[in-house]
């Protein structure tokens, strides 16, 4: 079975203290008041502003924050750190087709209820076709997919076919073997070899 690259840039490794600094910055930015270096130090118990600057330098180098000169509240989160899910292309909900080409935009994860899921756990795909209309999934919808190599019977999954094409279908079990089914009677089941690359979490639709 062919492999597949989902196309998401991995989140860089952070030490526990770097993670705490980043989370505090996220919190303050979410309150629309980016923290000062002194506020970060007070919150995390750093006695020296130099220590805070060292942590910020590390986060800048890892592409998670930006700093602007000549401003006291000069810390900004990059899209990578603010947990925006990249829309990496189009997934076919009709006949199987290429799943993605390039990043086409972002979904703000703050608008979703993702629980403990993090940046490395999810990706987004734009739906094309009408094979899942009876499951309430329409062309143009944004499918939020949790990356995983398996799923349960009746789950809607992103599946990689043997020809390296990806489709969004419902996983079905018959006589102990799994196959893929559309949610539209006009489309036949898919019994060819496939590999689950993710499970549908939710669908976003803009009107």
C-alpha atoms as a PDB file:
ATOM      1  CA  UNK A   1       0.000   0.000   0.000  1.00  0.00           C
ATOM      2  CA  UNK A   2       1.323   3.400  -0.962  1.00  0.00           C
ATOM      3  CA  UNK A   3       2.109   5.856   1.822  1.00  0.00           C
ATOM      4  CA  UNK A   4       0.787   9.385   1.967  1.00  0.00           C
ATOM      5  CA  UNK A   5       2.000  12.666   3.343  1.00  0.00           C
ATOM      6  CA  UNK A   6      -0.806  14.707   4.864  1.00  0.00           C
ATOM      7  CA  UNK A   7       1.166  17.857   4.245  1.00  0.00           C
ATOM      8  CA  UNK A   8       1.038  19.397   7.702  1.00  0.00           C
ATOM      9  CA  UNK A   9       4.168  20.891   9.140  1.00  0.00           C
ATOM     10  CA  UNK A  10       4.951  19.234  12.423  1.00  0.00           C
ATOM     11  CA  UNK A  11       4.841  21.273  15.585  1.00  0.00           C
ATOM     12  CA  UNK A  12       8.365  21.832  16.886  1.00  0.00           C
ATOM     13  CA  UNK A  13       9.442  20.196  20.115  1.00  0.00           C
ATOM     14  CA  UNK A  14       9.035  22.428  23.160  1.00  0.00           C
ATOM     15  CA  UNK A  15      10.420  21.989  26.630  1.00  0.00           C
ATOM     16  CA  UNK A  16       7.806  22.065  29.420  1.00  0.00           C
ATOM     17  CA  UNK A  17       8.775  25.642  30.362  1.00  0.00           C
ATOM     18  CA  UNK A  18       8.687  26.794  26.736  1.00  0.00           C
ATOM     19  CA  UNK A  19       5.203  25.290  26.475  1.00  0.00           C
ATOM     20  CA  UNK A  20       4.123  27.210  29.601  1.00  0.00           C
ATOM     21  CA  UNK A  21       5.446  30.465  28.187  1.00  0.00           C
ATOM     22  CA  UNK A  22       3.673  29.845  24.879  1.00  0.00           C
ATOM     23  CA  UNK A  23       0.402  28.929  26.585  1.00  0.00           C
ATOM     24  CA  UNK A  24       0.486  32.120  28.660  1.00  0.00           C
ATOM     25  CA  UNK A  25       1.083  34.150  25.508  1.00  0.00           C
ATOM     26  CA  UNK A  26      -1.862  32.345  23.855  1.00  0.00           C
ATOM     27  CA  UNK A  27      -4.064  33.166  26.829  1.00  0.00           C
ATOM     28  CA  UNK A  28      -3.156  36.862  26.857  1.00  0.00           C
ATOM     29  CA  UNK A  29      -3.443  37.213  23.088  1.00  0.00           C
ATOM     30  CA  UNK A  30      -6.867  35.584  23.357  1.00  0.00           C
ATOM     31  CA  UNK A  31      -7.769  38.349  25.818  1.00  0.00           C
ATOM     32  CA  UNK A  32      -6.568  40.836  23.184  1.00  0.00           C
ATOM     33  CA  UNK A  33      -3.755  42.031  25.440  1.00  0.00           C
ATOM     34  CA  UNK A  34      -0.390  40.528  24.455  1.00  0.00           C
ATOM     35  CA  UNK A  35       1.827  40.146  27.526  1.00  0.00           C
ATOM     36  CA  UNK A  36       4.882  42.202  28.300  1.00  0.00           C
ATOM     37  CA  UNK A  37       8.180  40.554  29.153  1.00  0.00           C
ATOM     38  CA  UNK A  38       7.682  41.556  32.792  1.00  0.00           C
ATOM     39  CA  UNK A  39       4.203  39.991  32.895  1.00  0.00           C
ATOM     40  CA  UNK A  40       5.544  36.719  31.519  1.00  0.00           C
ATOM     41  CA  UNK A  41       8.255  36.711  34.170  1.00  0.00           C
ATOM     42  CA  UNK A  42       5.794  37.406  36.981  1.00  0.00           C
ATOM     43  CA  UNK A  43       3.346  34.750  35.787  1.00  0.00           C
ATOM     44  CA  UNK A  44       5.957  32.008  35.466  1.00  0.00           C
ATOM     45  CA  UNK A  45       8.180  33.002  38.374  1.00  0.00           C
ATOM     46  CA  UNK A  46      11.231  34.095  36.397  1.00  0.00           C
ATOM     47  CA  UNK A  47      13.365  36.491  38.425  1.00  0.00           C
ATOM     48  CA  UNK A  48      15.204  37.910  35.438  1.00  0.00           C
ATOM     49  CA  UNK A  49      13.749  39.522  32.314  1.00  0.00           C
ATOM     50  CA  UNK A  50      16.784  38.071  30.553  1.00  0.00           C
ATOM     51  CA  UNK A  51      15.414  34.600  31.206  1.00  0.00           C
ATOM     52  CA  UNK A  52      12.122  35.578  29.601  1.00  0.00           C
ATOM     53  CA  UNK A  53      13.983  36.991  26.607  1.00  0.00           C
ATOM     54  CA  UNK A  54      15.831  33.689  26.210  1.00  0.00           C
ATOM     55  CA  UNK A  55      12.528  31.765  26.124  1.00  0.00           C
ATOM     56  CA  UNK A  56      11.045  34.226  23.647  1.00  0.00           C
ATOM     57  CA  UNK A  57      14.130  33.914  21.460  1.00  0.00           C
ATOM     58  CA  UNK A  58      13.670  30.138  21.417  1.00  0.00           C
ATOM     59  CA  UNK A  59       9.990  30.472  20.469  1.00  0.00           C
ATOM     60  CA  UNK A  60      10.896  32.929  17.701  1.00  0.00           C
ATOM     61  CA  UNK A  61      13.503  30.501  16.339  1.00  0.00           C
ATOM     62  CA  UNK A  62      10.891  27.739  16.328  1.00  0.00           C
ATOM     63  CA  UNK A  63       8.509  29.886  14.326  1.00  0.00           C
ATOM     64  CA  UNK A  64       5.859  30.233  17.037  1.00  0.00           C
ATOM     65  CA  UNK A  65       6.005  33.918  17.951  1.00  0.00           C
ATOM     66  CA  UNK A  66       7.040  37.199  16.388  1.00  0.00           C
ATOM     67  CA  UNK A  67       8.434  40.229  18.189  1.00  0.00           C
ATOM     68  CA  UNK A  68       8.118  43.841  17.091  1.00  0.00           C
ATOM     69  CA  UNK A  69      10.578  46.475  18.188  1.00  0.00           C
ATOM     70  CA  UNK A  70       9.681  49.651  20.052  1.00  0.00           C
ATOM     71  CA  UNK A  71       6.457  48.319  21.545  1.00  0.00           C
ATOM     72  CA  UNK A  72       5.888  47.106  25.101  1.00  0.00           C
ATOM     73  CA  UNK A  73       3.281  44.569  24.011  1.00  0.00           C
ATOM     74  CA  UNK A  74       5.207  43.493  20.953  1.00  0.00           C
ATOM     75  CA  UNK A  75       4.606  39.729  21.014  1.00  0.00           C
ATOM     76  CA  UNK A  76       2.490  38.112  18.326  1.00  0.00           C
ATOM     77  CA  UNK A  77       1.589  34.488  17.696  1.00  0.00           C
ATOM     78  CA  UNK A  78       2.302  33.029  14.300  1.00  0.00           C
ATOM     79  CA  UNK A  79      -0.438  30.991  12.584  1.00  0.00           C
ATOM     80  CA  UNK A  80       1.540  27.916  13.561  1.00  0.00           C
ATOM     81  CA  UNK A  81       1.260  28.718  17.254  1.00  0.00           C
ATOM     82  CA  UNK A  82      -2.295  30.004  17.274  1.00  0.00           C
ATOM     83  CA  UNK A  83      -3.455  26.545  16.180  1.00  0.00           C
ATOM     84  CA  UNK A  84      -4.951  27.231  12.792  1.00  0.00           C
ATOM     85  CA  UNK A  85      -5.731  24.050  10.881  1.00  0.00           C
ATOM     86  CA  UNK A  86      -4.476  24.199   7.286  1.00  0.00           C
ATOM     87  CA  UNK A  87      -6.942  23.380   4.511  1.00  0.00           C
ATOM     88  CA  UNK A  88      -4.569  21.273   2.472  1.00  0.00           C
ATOM     89  CA  UNK A  89      -6.726  20.661  -0.556  1.00  0.00           C
ATOM     90  CA  UNK A  90      -9.796  18.961  -1.924  1.00  0.00           C
ATOM     91  CA  UNK A  91     -11.091  15.535  -0.964  1.00  0.00           C
ATOM     92  CA  UNK A  92     -13.441  13.731  -3.273  1.00  0.00           C
ATOM     93  CA  UNK A  93     -16.867  12.793  -1.956  1.00  0.00           C
ATOM     94  CA  UNK A  94     -17.767  11.492  -5.378  1.00  0.00           C
ATOM     95  CA  UNK A  95     -15.445   9.359  -7.431  1.00  0.00           C
ATOM     96  CA  UNK A  96     -12.069   9.017  -5.700  1.00  0.00           C
ATOM     97  CA  UNK A  97      -9.588  11.683  -6.683  1.00  0.00           C
ATOM     98  CA  UNK A  98      -6.512  13.521  -5.532  1.00  0.00           C
ATOM     99  CA  UNK A  99      -7.034  14.618  -1.965  1.00  0.00           C
ATOM    100  CA  UNK A 100      -4.864  17.689  -1.788  1.00  0.00           C
ATOM    101  CA  UNK A 101      -2.546  19.938  -3.700  1.00  0.00           C
ATOM    102  CA  UNK A 102      -1.397  22.813  -1.459  1.00  0.00           C
ATOM    103  CA  UNK A 103      -2.507  24.839   1.531  1.00  0.00           C
ATOM    104  CA  UNK A 104      -5.591  26.784   0.437  1.00  0.00           C
ATOM    105  CA  UNK A 105      -6.380  28.581   3.676  1.00  0.00           C
ATOM    106  CA  UNK A 106      -6.814  28.004   7.390  1.00  0.00           C
ATOM    107  CA  UNK A 107      -9.553  27.047   9.825  1.00  0.00           C
ATOM    108  CA  UNK A 108      -9.277  28.677  13.239  1.00  0.00           C
ATOM    109  CA  UNK A 109      -9.331  25.827  15.736  1.00  0.00           C
ATOM    110  CA  UNK A 110     -10.654  28.160  18.408  1.00  0.00           C
ATOM    111  CA  UNK A 111     -13.987  27.943  16.573  1.00  0.00           C
ATOM    112  CA  UNK A 112     -14.134  24.170  17.056  1.00  0.00           C
ATOM    113  CA  UNK A 113     -14.602  21.921  20.056  1.00  0.00           C
ATOM    114  CA  UNK A 114     -11.523  19.767  19.650  1.00  0.00           C
ATOM    115  CA  UNK A 115     -10.935  18.897  23.281  1.00  0.00           C
ATOM    116  CA  UNK A 116      -7.381  17.718  23.811  1.00  0.00           C
ATOM    117  CA  UNK A 117      -6.536  17.484  20.124  1.00  0.00           C
ATOM    118  CA  UNK A 118      -3.503  19.466  19.091  1.00  0.00           C
ATOM    119  CA  UNK A 119      -1.822  20.803  15.971  1.00  0.00           C
ATOM    120  CA  UNK A 120      -0.345  17.441  15.004  1.00  0.00           C
ATOM    121  CA  UNK A 121      -3.653  15.591  15.324  1.00  0.00           C
ATOM    122  CA  UNK A 122      -5.886  17.164  12.695  1.00  0.00           C
ATOM    123  CA  UNK A 123      -6.041  18.490   9.148  1.00  0.00           C
ATOM    124  CA  UNK A 124      -8.775  19.971   6.978  1.00  0.00           C
ATOM    125  CA  UNK A 125      -9.941  19.145   3.464  1.00  0.00           C
ATOM    126  CA  UNK A 126     -12.448  20.790   1.163  1.00  0.00           C
ATOM    127  CA  UNK A 127     -15.208  18.411   0.007  1.00  0.00           C
ATOM    128  CA  UNK A 128     -15.917  17.989  -3.700  1.00  0.00           C
ATOM    129  CA  UNK A 129     -18.798  15.911  -5.053  1.00  0.00           C
ATOM    130  CA  UNK A 130     -22.174  14.697  -3.794  1.00  0.00           C
ATOM    131  CA  UNK A 131     -21.600  11.115  -2.702  1.00  0.00           C
ATOM    132  CA  UNK A 132     -22.034  11.943   1.011  1.00  0.00           C
ATOM    133  CA  UNK A 133     -25.125  14.155   0.783  1.00  0.00           C
ATOM    134  CA  UNK A 134     -27.310  11.727   2.751  1.00  0.00           C
ATOM    135  CA  UNK A 135     -24.825  12.078   5.618  1.00  0.00           C
ATOM    136  CA  UNK A 136     -25.242  15.855   5.472  1.00  0.00           C
ATOM    137  CA  UNK A 137     -21.865  16.424   3.810  1.00  0.00           C
ATOM    138  CA  UNK A 138     -22.103  18.736   0.799  1.00  0.00           C
ATOM    139  CA  UNK A 139     -19.750  19.961  -1.880  1.00  0.00           C
ATOM    140  CA  UNK A 140     -17.747  22.931  -0.618  1.00  0.00           C
ATOM    141  CA  UNK A 141     -17.874  21.848   3.026  1.00  0.00           C
ATOM    142  CA  UNK A 142     -14.639  21.804   5.027  1.00  0.00           C
ATOM    143  CA  UNK A 143     -14.055  18.351   6.520  1.00  0.00           C
ATOM    144  CA  UNK A 144     -12.035  18.360   9.755  1.00  0.00           C
ATOM    145  CA  UNK A 145     -10.157  15.064   9.939  1.00  0.00           C
ATOM    146  CA  UNK A 146      -8.447  13.491  12.942  1.00  0.00           C
ATOM    147  CA  UNK A 147      -5.333  11.697  11.771  1.00  0.00           C
ATOM    148  CA  UNK A 148      -5.483   8.018  12.679  1.00  0.00           C
ATOM    149  CA  UNK A 149      -4.814   4.688  10.921  1.00  0.00           C
ATOM    150  CA  UNK A 150      -8.031   2.968  11.965  1.00  0.00           C
ATOM    151  CA  UNK A 151     -11.725   3.560  12.624  1.00  0.00           C
ATOM    152  CA  UNK A 152     -14.908   1.736  13.630  1.00  0.00           C
ATOM    153  CA  UNK A 153     -17.747   0.393  11.556  1.00  0.00           C
ATOM    154  CA  UNK A 154     -20.013   3.256  10.317  1.00  0.00           C
ATOM    155  CA  UNK A 155     -17.388   5.962  10.886  1.00  0.00           C
ATOM    156  CA  UNK A 156     -16.891   8.472   8.073  1.00  0.00           C
ATOM    157  CA  UNK A 157     -13.232   8.315   7.088  1.00  0.00           C
ATOM    158  CA  UNK A 158     -10.664   9.752   4.730  1.00  0.00           C
ATOM    159  CA  UNK A 159      -9.332   6.668   2.960  1.00  0.00           C
ATOM    160  CA  UNK A 160      -6.275   6.239   0.761  1.00  0.00           C
ATOM    161  CA  UNK A 161      -6.830   3.921  -2.203  1.00  0.00           C
ATOM    162  CA  UNK A 162      -4.189   1.741  -3.827  1.00  0.00           C
ATOM    163  CA  UNK A 163      -3.656   4.249  -6.655  1.00  0.00           C
ATOM    164  CA  UNK A 164      -2.732   6.949  -4.111  1.00  0.00           C
ATOM    165  CA  UNK A 165      -6.094   8.706  -4.405  1.00  0.00           C
ATOM    166  CA  UNK A 166      -8.140   9.705  -1.371  1.00  0.00           C
ATOM    167  CA  UNK A 167     -11.888   9.689  -0.825  1.00  0.00           C
ATOM    168  CA  UNK A 168     -14.323  10.552   1.977  1.00  0.00           C
ATOM    169  CA  UNK A 169     -16.654   7.624   2.632  1.00  0.00           C
ATOM    170  CA  UNK A 170     -18.351   5.631   5.390  1.00  0.00           C
ATOM    171  CA  UNK A 171     -16.463   2.596   6.670  1.00  0.00           C
ATOM    172  CA  UNK A 172     -18.557  -0.578   6.557  1.00  0.00           C
ATOM    173  CA  UNK A 173     -17.898  -4.156   7.660  1.00  0.00           C
ATOM    174  CA  UNK A 174     -19.306  -7.206   5.871  1.00  0.00           C
ATOM    175  CA  UNK A 175     -18.349 -10.774   6.690  1.00  0.00           C
ATOM    176  CA  UNK A 176     -15.407  -9.502   8.694  1.00  0.00           C
ATOM    177  CA  UNK A 177     -14.030  -7.378   5.845  1.00  0.00           C
ATOM    178  CA  UNK A 178     -14.186  -3.615   5.569  1.00  0.00           C
ATOM    179  CA  UNK A 179     -15.228  -1.641   2.516  1.00  0.00           C
ATOM    180  CA  UNK A 180     -16.226   1.948   1.782  1.00  0.00           C
ATOM    181  CA  UNK A 181     -19.768   3.155   1.160  1.00  0.00           C
ATOM    182  CA  UNK A 182     -21.137   6.436  -0.133  1.00  0.00           C
ATOM    183  CA  UNK A 183     -24.107   8.161   1.485  1.00  0.00           C
ATOM    184  CA  UNK A 184     -25.809   8.444  -1.884  1.00  0.00           C
ATOM    185  CA  UNK A 185     -27.527   5.532  -3.644  1.00  0.00           C
ATOM    186  CA  UNK A 186     -26.115   6.673  -6.987  1.00  0.00           C
ATOM    187  CA  UNK A 187     -22.597   5.591  -5.989  1.00  0.00           C
ATOM    188  CA  UNK A 188     -21.501   1.927  -5.680  1.00  0.00           C
ATOM    189  CA  UNK A 189     -19.504   0.634  -2.698  1.00  0.00           C
ATOM    190  CA  UNK A 190     -15.717   0.525  -2.964  1.00  0.00           C
ATOM    191  CA  UNK A 191     -14.282  -2.927  -2.310  1.00  0.00           C
ATOM    192  CA  UNK A 192     -10.730  -2.305  -3.531  1.00  0.00           C
ATOM    193  CA  UNK A 193      -7.789  -2.150  -1.162  1.00  0.00           C
ATOM    194  CA  UNK A 194      -7.601   1.015   0.933  1.00  0.00           C
ATOM    195  CA  UNK A 195      -5.996   2.490   4.023  1.00  0.00           C
ATOM    196  CA  UNK A 196      -7.693   4.715   6.609  1.00  0.00           C
ATOM    197  CA  UNK A 197      -5.708   7.928   7.098  1.00  0.00           C
ATOM    198  CA  UNK A 198      -8.198   9.801   9.270  1.00  0.00           C
ATOM    199  CA  UNK A 199     -11.643   9.965  10.817  1.00  0.00           C
ATOM    200  CA  UNK A 200     -14.114  12.780  10.245  1.00  0.00           C
ATOM    201  CA  UNK A 201     -14.604  14.912  13.360  1.00  0.00           C
ATOM    202  CA  UNK A 202     -16.888  17.626  12.079  1.00  0.00           C
ATOM    203  CA  UNK A 203     -17.885  19.583   8.989  1.00  0.00           C
ATOM    204  CA  UNK A 204     -17.757  23.358   8.566  1.00  0.00           C
ATOM    205  CA  UNK A 205     -20.135  25.013   6.134  1.00  0.00           C
ATOM    206  CA  UNK A 206     -20.124  28.685   5.238  1.00  0.00           C
ATOM    207  CA  UNK A 207     -23.218  30.332   3.812  1.00  0.00           C
END
